Amino acid sequence: MAALTLGGFATLLYSNASQETNNEQVSRETTIDETTAETATASTVPEGTARTAAVPEKTAPATAAPAGWVSAIGDSVMLGAVDALLQEMPNLALIDAQGSRQPPAAIDVLRRRRAAGQLGESVVVHVGNNGPFTDEDFDEMMRVLAEVRKVLVVNVTVPSNVEDPVAVPNNAVLAAGVQRYPNAVLVDWRAASGGHPEFFGEDGLHLTFQGAQAYADLIATHLGDPEETAVALPGPQERITWGEKGSFGECVGPASRCVA
C-alpha cells in the first residue's frame, strides 16, 4: 500500500509539473502573439503619415522674375538719375530710391521685395553715401540676393570738400565684397566720374543733368545690350513719391509694386 501511495504521489507531482510547463508555454505564446499583433498594427500606419507630422511645412519660394527684368535700389544719388536710368535701361521694371537711405535700410528693402517676388533677374544697388557700409552689411545683402543672376554694386563718389568722407572706407568694402561673390559686379562710378566736376552740383555728390546721363550710361553698359534680352515689363509704369526734403523718395514701376 505504501509503494502505491508513493507511486501515486510521484504521478501527481509529474502531472502538476507538466501542467505548469504547459501554462508557461501558453503564456509565452500569448506574449509572442500580442507582440506580433502590435508590430502588425504599427506596420499598417503609413510611413508618410508619421513623417509628415514630424516635418514642418516649408515656405513657398518667392516667384522668380522673368529673364531680362532689372530692379534698382538706391539713395538720393540714384534718385537724381531716375529719368536717365529709365531712358537707358528699357528693361528697368522697378526703381526704388530714397534720400538719406543707409545700407541696413536698403537691405531691408531688398529683403521685402525679394520675398514679394519683385526683384529682377539683375539688381542694381547704390548706397553708401549716407553711412558706413560694413563687410557684414555686404555679406547680408548678398545672402538676400543669392539667387539673383547679376548684382551691380555701384560705388560712391568721394567729395573733395568733405573731411574724412565715409565714401573712402565704404568703397574699400565694396571692392573687396564683389570679389567674394561670383554674381556681383562692381560699377566704378568713383573712377568714371573722377575729373568731371560738371557731373555734380555744389555738394560734389548729387548729379547734374549731364552727370545723371553719364551715371545711367555706365550702369547700362555693365548690364549689356538690352536688345538681346528685351522683355515686356510687368504692366504700366507709375510714379509714387513720399517723404520730403532729405528723406524724399520715389518709386517707378507697376502700381502694385510702388506703394507709398
Protein backbone atom coordinates (compact mmCIF):
# COMPACT_ATOMS: atom_id res chain seq x y z
CA MET A 1 0.00 0.00 0.00
CA ALA A 2 2.91 2.36 0.87
CA ALA A 3 4.51 1.73 -2.51
CA LEU A 4 1.29 2.52 -4.30
CA THR A 5 0.94 5.72 -2.33
CA LEU A 6 4.44 6.85 -3.23
CA GLY A 7 3.83 5.99 -6.87
CA GLY A 8 0.60 7.93 -6.87
CA PHE A 9 2.32 10.85 -5.27
CA ALA A 10 5.04 10.80 -7.90
CA THR A 11 2.46 10.67 -10.66
CA LEU A 12 0.71 13.66 -9.12
CA LEU A 13 3.97 15.66 -8.98
CA TYR A 14 4.70 14.84 -12.61
CA SER A 15 1.22 15.88 -13.64
CA ASN A 16 1.48 19.23 -11.81
CA ALA A 17 4.90 19.91 -13.28
CA SER A 18 3.64 19.17 -16.78
CA GLN A 19 0.67 21.45 -16.23
CA GLU A 20 2.95 24.34 -15.11
CA THR A 21 5.18 23.81 -18.11
CA ASN A 22 2.19 23.90 -20.42
CA ASN A 23 0.94 27.08 -18.73
CA GLU A 24 4.33 28.78 -19.18
CA GLN A 25 4.41 27.76 -22.84
CA VAL A 26 0.92 29.11 -23.41
CA SER A 27 1.89 32.35 -21.65
CA ARG A 28 4.99 32.74 -23.83
CA GLU A 29 2.96 32.05 -26.98
CA THR A 30 0.35 34.57 -25.91
CA THR A 31 3.07 37.20 -25.35
CA ILE A 32 4.59 36.46 -28.76
CA ASP A 33 1.17 36.70 -30.40
CA GLU A 34 0.49 40.03 -28.69
CA THR A 35 3.87 41.39 -29.75
CA THR A 36 3.28 40.20 -33.31
CA ALA A 37 -0.13 41.85 -33.30
CA GLU A 38 1.35 45.16 -32.07
CA THR A 39 4.02 45.02 -34.76
CA ALA A 40 1.46 44.27 -37.41
CA THR A 41 -0.72 47.12 -36.18
CA ALA A 42 2.21 49.56 -36.26
CA SER A 43 3.13 48.48 -39.75
CA THR A 44 -0.34 49.32 -41.00
CA VAL A 45 0.25 53.08 -40.27
CA PRO A 46 1.52 54.72 -43.48
CA GLU A 47 5.11 55.87 -43.14
CA GLY A 48 4.29 59.11 -44.86
CA THR A 49 1.75 59.99 -42.16
CA ALA A 50 4.29 59.72 -39.36
CA ARG A 51 6.92 61.66 -41.28
CA THR A 52 4.55 64.41 -42.30
CA ALA A 53 3.69 65.07 -38.68
CA ALA A 54 7.40 65.44 -37.82
CA VAL A 55 8.47 67.69 -40.70
CA PRO A 56 7.43 71.39 -40.59
CA GLU A 57 5.80 72.83 -43.67
CA LYS A 58 8.18 74.74 -45.94
CA THR A 59 7.52 78.32 -47.01
CA ALA A 60 6.84 78.66 -50.72
CA PRO A 61 9.76 80.31 -52.56
CA ALA A 62 9.39 83.78 -54.00
CA THR A 63 8.28 83.99 -57.60
CA ALA A 64 11.26 84.33 -59.93
CA ALA A 65 11.32 87.36 -62.22
CA PRO A 66 11.35 86.75 -65.98
CA ALA A 67 14.73 86.87 -67.68
CA GLY A 68 15.79 90.39 -68.54
CA TRP A 69 13.98 92.36 -65.83
CA VAL A 70 16.12 94.82 -63.89
CA SER A 71 15.48 96.37 -60.47
CA ALA A 72 17.36 99.30 -58.93
CA ILE A 73 17.55 100.22 -55.24
CA GLY A 74 19.42 103.30 -54.11
CA ASP A 75 19.68 106.58 -52.26
CA SER A 76 19.43 110.24 -53.30
CA VAL A 77 22.17 109.94 -55.95
CA MET A 78 20.13 107.34 -57.82
CA LEU A 79 17.05 109.44 -57.15
CA GLY A 80 18.59 112.22 -59.24
CA ALA A 81 19.07 109.88 -62.19
CA VAL A 82 15.65 108.16 -62.35
CA ASP A 83 14.68 109.57 -65.75
CA ALA A 84 18.10 108.87 -67.27
CA LEU A 85 18.03 105.28 -65.98
CA LEU A 86 14.58 104.67 -67.45
CA GLN A 87 15.77 106.02 -70.79
CA GLU A 88 18.97 103.99 -70.93
CA MET A 89 17.58 100.74 -69.49
CA PRO A 90 14.37 99.65 -71.27
CA ASN A 91 14.13 96.53 -69.10
CA LEU A 92 14.14 98.51 -65.86
CA ALA A 93 10.98 97.19 -64.19
CA LEU A 94 11.43 98.86 -60.80
CA ILE A 95 13.32 101.79 -59.26
CA ASP A 96 13.11 102.42 -55.53
CA ALA A 97 15.29 105.33 -54.39
CA GLN A 98 15.14 107.50 -51.30
CA GLY A 99 17.25 110.25 -49.82
CA SER A 100 19.36 109.53 -46.71
CA ARG A 101 18.94 105.77 -47.22
CA GLN A 102 21.67 103.84 -45.42
CA PRO A 103 22.88 100.28 -46.18
CA PRO A 104 20.83 98.47 -43.48
CA ALA A 105 17.65 100.20 -44.70
CA ALA A 106 18.46 99.30 -48.31
CA ILE A 107 18.98 95.66 -47.33
CA ASP A 108 15.56 95.65 -45.66
CA VAL A 109 14.01 96.98 -48.88
CA LEU A 110 15.77 94.27 -50.89
CA ARG A 111 14.61 91.58 -48.48
CA ARG A 112 10.96 92.69 -48.62
CA ARG A 113 10.94 92.98 -52.38
CA ARG A 114 12.61 89.62 -52.82
CA ALA A 115 10.02 87.97 -50.57
CA ALA A 116 7.29 89.54 -52.70
CA GLY A 117 8.91 88.39 -55.95
CA GLN A 118 9.58 91.96 -57.06
CA LEU A 119 13.29 91.83 -57.83
CA GLY A 120 14.54 91.42 -61.36
CA GLU A 121 17.00 88.94 -62.78
CA SER A 122 19.56 91.74 -62.41
CA VAL A 123 19.62 94.15 -59.47
CA VAL A 124 21.43 97.49 -59.21
CA VAL A 125 22.34 98.65 -55.69
CA HIS A 126 23.76 102.09 -54.94
CA VAL A 127 24.05 103.06 -51.29
CA GLY A 128 26.93 104.11 -49.05
CA ASN A 129 26.77 107.89 -49.30
CA ASN A 130 24.95 108.36 -46.00
CA GLY A 131 26.58 106.00 -43.53
CA PRO A 132 29.04 103.14 -43.08
CA PHE A 133 28.79 100.06 -45.28
CA THR A 134 30.46 97.23 -43.38
CA ASP A 135 31.68 93.83 -44.55
CA GLU A 136 28.84 92.29 -42.54
CA ASP A 137 26.34 94.52 -44.35
CA PHE A 138 27.71 93.45 -47.70
CA ASP A 139 27.54 89.75 -46.86
CA GLU A 140 23.99 90.12 -45.56
CA MET A 141 22.98 91.92 -48.75
CA MET A 142 24.45 89.18 -50.92
CA ARG A 143 22.67 86.49 -48.92
CA VAL A 144 19.41 88.26 -49.74
CA LEU A 145 20.46 88.44 -53.41
CA ALA A 146 21.97 84.95 -53.60
CA GLU A 147 19.60 83.84 -56.37
CA VAL A 148 19.89 86.99 -58.46
CA ARG A 149 21.84 86.35 -61.66
CA LYS A 150 23.76 89.66 -61.61
CA VAL A 151 24.14 92.21 -58.82
CA LEU A 152 25.57 95.55 -59.96
CA VAL A 153 27.16 97.25 -56.96
CA VAL A 154 27.75 100.95 -57.66
CA ASN A 155 30.46 102.56 -55.56
CA VAL A 156 30.35 106.14 -54.34
CA THR A 157 31.94 109.47 -55.16
CA VAL A 158 34.45 110.96 -52.74
CA PRO A 159 33.55 114.68 -52.46
CA SER A 160 36.64 116.85 -52.27
CA ASN A 161 35.04 119.28 -49.84
CA VAL A 162 34.17 116.67 -47.18
CA GLU A 163 36.64 115.96 -44.38
CA ASP A 164 37.19 112.23 -43.68
CA PRO A 165 34.42 111.11 -46.05
CA VAL A 166 32.65 107.82 -45.32
CA ALA A 167 32.95 107.04 -49.02
CA VAL A 168 36.60 106.02 -48.71
CA PRO A 169 36.17 103.01 -46.36
CA ASN A 170 32.82 102.16 -47.99
CA ASN A 171 34.43 101.89 -51.41
CA ALA A 172 37.08 99.58 -49.97
CA VAL A 173 34.33 97.32 -48.57
CA LEU A 174 32.51 97.25 -51.91
CA ALA A 175 35.67 96.50 -53.89
CA ALA A 176 36.57 93.61 -51.59
CA GLY A 177 32.99 92.36 -51.36
CA VAL A 178 32.41 91.84 -55.09
CA GLN A 179 35.48 89.60 -55.14
CA ARG A 180 33.77 87.15 -52.77
CA TYR A 181 30.62 86.63 -54.83
CA PRO A 182 30.55 85.39 -58.45
CA ASN A 183 27.22 87.13 -59.19
CA ALA A 184 28.45 90.56 -58.01
CA VAL A 185 29.95 93.17 -60.34
CA LEU A 186 31.47 96.49 -59.31
CA VAL A 187 30.28 99.56 -61.20
CA ASP A 188 33.12 102.02 -60.59
CA TRP A 189 31.29 105.33 -60.54
CA ARG A 190 34.10 106.76 -58.43
CA ALA A 191 36.62 106.28 -61.24
CA ALA A 192 34.24 107.12 -64.09
CA SER A 193 33.22 110.44 -62.53
CA GLY A 194 36.70 111.48 -61.48
CA GLY A 195 37.85 114.69 -63.18
CA HIS A 196 34.31 115.61 -64.18
CA PRO A 197 33.13 118.39 -61.88
CA GLU A 198 30.35 119.09 -64.39
CA PHE A 199 28.70 115.83 -63.27
CA PHE A 200 27.94 117.22 -59.80
CA GLY A 201 26.18 120.02 -58.02
CA GLU A 202 27.76 122.24 -55.43
CA ASP A 203 28.00 119.46 -52.85
CA GLY A 204 30.17 117.35 -55.17
CA LEU A 205 27.84 114.39 -54.70
CA HIS A 206 24.42 114.84 -56.27
CA LEU A 207 24.07 114.78 -60.03
CA THR A 208 23.54 117.43 -62.65
CA PHE A 209 21.64 116.54 -65.83
CA GLN A 210 24.94 115.68 -67.52
CA GLY A 211 26.06 113.65 -64.52
CA ALA A 212 22.80 111.70 -64.42
CA GLN A 213 23.25 110.77 -68.08
CA ALA A 214 26.83 109.58 -67.52
CA TYR A 215 25.74 107.63 -64.42
CA ALA A 216 22.94 105.85 -66.31
CA ASP A 217 25.19 105.12 -69.29
CA LEU A 218 27.79 103.49 -67.05
CA ILE A 219 25.26 101.22 -65.34
CA ALA A 220 23.59 100.28 -68.64
CA THR A 221 27.00 99.33 -70.07
CA HIS A 222 27.51 96.80 -67.26
CA LEU A 223 24.11 95.26 -67.92
CA GLY A 224 24.91 94.53 -71.55
CA ASP A 225 22.84 95.05 -74.68
CA PRO A 226 19.15 95.38 -73.71
CA GLU A 227 18.11 94.29 -77.22
CA GLU A 228 19.41 90.79 -76.51
CA THR A 229 17.13 90.27 -73.50
CA ALA A 230 14.21 92.60 -74.22
CA VAL A 231 11.05 91.54 -72.39
CA ALA A 232 7.66 93.08 -71.70
CA LEU A 233 7.57 94.98 -68.44
CA PRO A 234 5.04 93.99 -65.75
CA GLY A 235 2.23 96.39 -66.55
CA PRO A 236 2.07 100.20 -66.95
CA GLN A 237 4.77 102.11 -65.07
CA GLU A 238 3.63 104.58 -62.44
CA ARG A 239 5.46 107.05 -60.21
CA ILE A 240 4.84 107.12 -56.48
CA THR A 241 6.58 109.64 -54.23
CA TRP A 242 6.76 110.00 -50.46
CA GLY A 243 8.58 111.99 -47.80
CA GLU A 244 10.12 115.41 -48.18
CA LYS A 245 13.48 117.17 -48.33
CA GLY A 246 16.29 114.82 -47.32
CA SER A 247 14.04 111.79 -46.97
CA PHE A 248 12.15 112.28 -50.22
CA GLY A 249 11.65 109.00 -52.07
CA GLU A 250 10.39 107.85 -55.44
CA CYS A 251 9.33 104.50 -56.83
CA VAL A 252 8.78 103.88 -60.53
CA GLY A 253 7.10 100.64 -61.51
CA PRO A 254 3.72 98.92 -61.58
CA ALA A 255 1.26 100.34 -59.06
CA SER A 256 1.25 97.01 -57.22
CA ARG A 257 4.99 97.37 -56.60
CA CYS A 258 5.09 101.05 -55.71
CA VAL A 259 3.08 101.79 -52.59
CA ALA A 260 3.96 104.91 -50.64
